Structure formats: C-alpha cells, structure tokens
Amino acid sequence: MSDRYFRLLERHQKLDAALRIARDPFEAVRLAAMKQMVKARLSHLFLRRPEAVLATL
C-alpha cells in the first residue's frame, strides 16, 4: 500500500468520525463533500493499480 493511499484512507476515516459527531447541518454538508472528494481520489488511485486492471478482465 502506498503512502498516498494510506494517508487518503486515514483522512477518509477521520472525516467519517467527524461527520458522525457533527451537530451543525452546514458543517455536516461540508464534511460530506470533503469525504466524497477523498473517496473519488481513492477510487482513481485504486483503478490505476495493476491488480485492479487484472480484476476487471
């Protein structure tokens, strides 16, 4: 697992935890948007990996 992938996974988990305890609805929307951005980056990183190409065949 690359360092970048690990950091993104860690950030995703922290955003998820912050989202669970968020009280302000605007803060929750902001955190959810940030979580979606991190999730998109993770999926792009995963799809570039050689194992992911083999899994789609």
N, C-alpha and C. Protein backbone atom coordinates (compact mmCIF):
# COMPACT_ATOMS: atom_id res chain seq x y z
N MET A 1 0.86 -1.17 0.00
CA MET A 1 0.00 0.00 0.00
C MET A 1 0.91 1.23 0.00
N SER A 2 0.63 2.15 -0.90
CA SER A 2 1.46 3.34 -0.99
C SER A 2 1.15 4.30 0.15
N ASP A 3 2.08 5.21 0.40
CA ASP A 3 1.89 6.21 1.45
C ASP A 3 0.69 7.10 1.15
N ARG A 4 0.56 7.48 -0.11
CA ARG A 4 -0.55 8.36 -0.50
C ARG A 4 -1.90 7.67 -0.27
N TYR A 5 -1.99 6.40 -0.66
CA TYR A 5 -3.23 5.65 -0.47
C TYR A 5 -3.55 5.54 1.03
N PHE A 6 -2.53 5.26 1.83
CA PHE A 6 -2.73 5.14 3.27
C PHE A 6 -3.21 6.45 3.88
N ARG A 7 -2.58 7.57 3.47
CA ARG A 7 -2.99 8.88 4.00
C ARG A 7 -4.42 9.22 3.62
N LEU A 8 -4.82 8.88 2.40
CA LEU A 8 -6.19 9.15 1.98
C LEU A 8 -7.18 8.28 2.76
N LEU A 9 -6.82 7.02 2.99
CA LEU A 9 -7.69 6.16 3.80
C LEU A 9 -7.84 6.70 5.22
N GLU A 10 -6.73 7.16 5.78
CA GLU A 10 -6.75 7.72 7.12
C GLU A 10 -7.61 8.98 7.17
N ARG A 11 -7.47 9.83 6.17
CA ARG A 11 -8.27 11.06 6.10
C ARG A 11 -9.75 10.73 5.96
N HIS A 12 -10.07 9.71 5.17
CA HIS A 12 -11.46 9.29 4.97
C HIS A 12 -12.05 8.84 6.31
N GLN A 13 -11.30 8.08 7.09
CA GLN A 13 -11.77 7.62 8.39
C GLN A 13 -11.99 8.78 9.35
N LYS A 14 -11.08 9.75 9.34
CA LYS A 14 -11.21 10.90 10.23
C LYS A 14 -12.43 11.75 9.85
N LEU A 15 -12.65 11.92 8.55
CA LEU A 15 -13.84 12.67 8.11
C LEU A 15 -15.11 11.93 8.50
N ASP A 16 -15.09 10.62 8.40
CA ASP A 16 -16.25 9.82 8.79
C ASP A 16 -16.55 9.99 10.27
N ALA A 17 -15.52 9.98 11.10
CA ALA A 17 -15.70 10.16 12.54
C ALA A 17 -16.22 11.57 12.84
N ALA A 18 -15.66 12.57 12.16
CA ALA A 18 -16.11 13.95 12.38
C ALA A 18 -17.56 14.13 11.92
N LEU A 19 -17.92 13.45 10.86
CA LEU A 19 -19.29 13.53 10.34
C LEU A 19 -20.30 12.94 11.33
N ARG A 20 -19.89 11.88 12.02
CA ARG A 20 -20.78 11.25 13.00
C ARG A 20 -21.09 12.18 14.17
N ILE A 21 -20.13 13.02 14.55
CA ILE A 21 -20.35 13.87 15.73
C ILE A 21 -20.73 15.31 15.37
N ALA A 22 -20.82 15.60 14.08
CA ALA A 22 -21.15 16.97 13.66
C ALA A 22 -22.57 17.33 14.09
N ARG A 23 -22.73 18.50 14.68
CA ARG A 23 -24.04 18.98 15.13
C ARG A 23 -24.64 19.98 14.15
N ASP A 24 -23.78 20.81 13.58
CA ASP A 24 -24.23 21.86 12.65
C ASP A 24 -24.50 21.24 11.28
N PRO A 25 -25.70 21.45 10.70
CA PRO A 25 -26.00 20.84 9.39
C PRO A 25 -25.07 21.34 8.27
N PHE A 26 -24.65 22.60 8.35
CA PHE A 26 -23.74 23.11 7.33
C PHE A 26 -22.36 22.45 7.44
N GLU A 27 -21.94 22.22 8.65
CA GLU A 27 -20.68 21.51 8.87
C GLU A 27 -20.78 20.08 8.34
N ALA A 28 -21.91 19.44 8.56
CA ALA A 28 -22.12 18.08 8.08
C ALA A 28 -22.07 18.03 6.55
N VAL A 29 -22.65 19.01 5.90
CA VAL A 29 -22.63 19.05 4.43
C VAL A 29 -21.20 19.26 3.94
N ARG A 30 -20.47 20.15 4.60
CA ARG A 30 -19.07 20.41 4.21
C ARG A 30 -18.22 19.16 4.39
N LEU A 31 -18.38 18.48 5.51
CA LEU A 31 -17.62 17.25 5.77
C LEU A 31 -17.98 16.15 4.78
N ALA A 32 -19.27 16.04 4.45
CA ALA A 32 -19.70 15.02 3.49
C ALA A 32 -19.10 15.30 2.11
N ALA A 33 -19.03 16.56 1.71
CA ALA A 33 -18.43 16.91 0.42
C ALA A 33 -16.93 16.58 0.41
N MET A 34 -16.26 16.88 1.52
CA MET A 34 -14.84 16.56 1.61
C MET A 34 -14.61 15.05 1.57
N LYS A 35 -15.50 14.30 2.22
CA LYS A 35 -15.38 12.85 2.23
C LYS A 35 -15.58 12.29 0.82
N GLN A 36 -16.50 12.85 0.06
CA GLN A 36 -16.72 12.41 -1.31
C GLN A 36 -15.51 12.69 -2.18
N MET A 37 -14.85 13.84 -1.96
CA MET A 37 -13.64 14.17 -2.73
C MET A 37 -12.52 13.17 -2.43
N VAL A 38 -12.35 12.83 -1.16
CA VAL A 38 -11.33 11.86 -0.78
C VAL A 38 -11.67 10.49 -1.35
N LYS A 39 -12.93 10.13 -1.32
CA LYS A 39 -13.36 8.84 -1.87
C LYS A 39 -13.10 8.77 -3.37
N ALA A 40 -13.31 9.86 -4.08
CA ALA A 40 -13.04 9.89 -5.52
C ALA A 40 -11.55 9.73 -5.79
N ARG A 41 -10.72 10.39 -4.98
CA ARG A 41 -9.27 10.26 -5.15
C ARG A 41 -8.82 8.83 -4.88
N LEU A 42 -9.41 8.20 -3.87
CA LEU A 42 -9.08 6.81 -3.57
C LEU A 42 -9.44 5.90 -4.73
N SER A 43 -10.60 6.11 -5.30
CA SER A 43 -11.02 5.24 -6.41
C SER A 43 -10.13 5.44 -7.63
N HIS A 44 -9.70 6.67 -7.89
CA HIS A 44 -8.79 6.91 -9.01
C HIS A 44 -7.44 6.25 -8.77
N LEU A 45 -6.96 6.31 -7.54
CA LEU A 45 -5.70 5.65 -7.22
C LEU A 45 -5.82 4.14 -7.35
N PHE A 46 -6.93 3.58 -6.89
CA PHE A 46 -7.11 2.14 -6.94
C PHE A 46 -7.21 1.66 -8.38
N LEU A 47 -7.89 2.39 -9.24
CA LEU A 47 -8.07 1.95 -10.62
C LEU A 47 -6.78 2.00 -11.42
N ARG A 48 -5.80 2.77 -10.96
CA ARG A 48 -4.51 2.84 -11.67
C ARG A 48 -3.59 1.68 -11.29
N ARG A 49 -3.94 0.91 -10.27
CA ARG A 49 -3.08 -0.17 -9.81
C ARG A 49 -3.18 -1.36 -10.76
N PRO A 50 -2.10 -2.10 -10.98
CA PRO A 50 -2.11 -3.25 -11.90
C PRO A 50 -3.10 -4.34 -11.46
N GLU A 51 -3.27 -4.52 -10.15
CA GLU A 51 -4.21 -5.56 -9.67
C GLU A 51 -5.63 -5.23 -10.08
N ALA A 52 -5.96 -3.93 -10.11
CA ALA A 52 -7.32 -3.52 -10.47
C ALA A 52 -7.59 -3.81 -11.93
N VAL A 53 -6.59 -3.69 -12.78
CA VAL A 53 -6.76 -3.98 -14.20
C VAL A 53 -7.02 -5.46 -14.40
N LEU A 54 -6.30 -6.29 -13.68
CA LEU A 54 -6.50 -7.73 -13.79
C LEU A 54 -7.87 -8.16 -13.26
N ALA A 55 -8.37 -7.47 -12.26
CA ALA A 55 -9.67 -7.82 -11.69
C ALA A 55 -10.80 -7.52 -12.63
N THR A 56 -10.62 -6.58 -13.56
CA THR A 56 -11.70 -6.22 -14.48
C THR A 56 -11.76 -7.14 -15.68
N LEU A 57 -10.74 -7.98 -15.89
CA LEU A 57 -10.73 -8.87 -17.05
C LEU A 57 -11.60 -10.08 -16.86
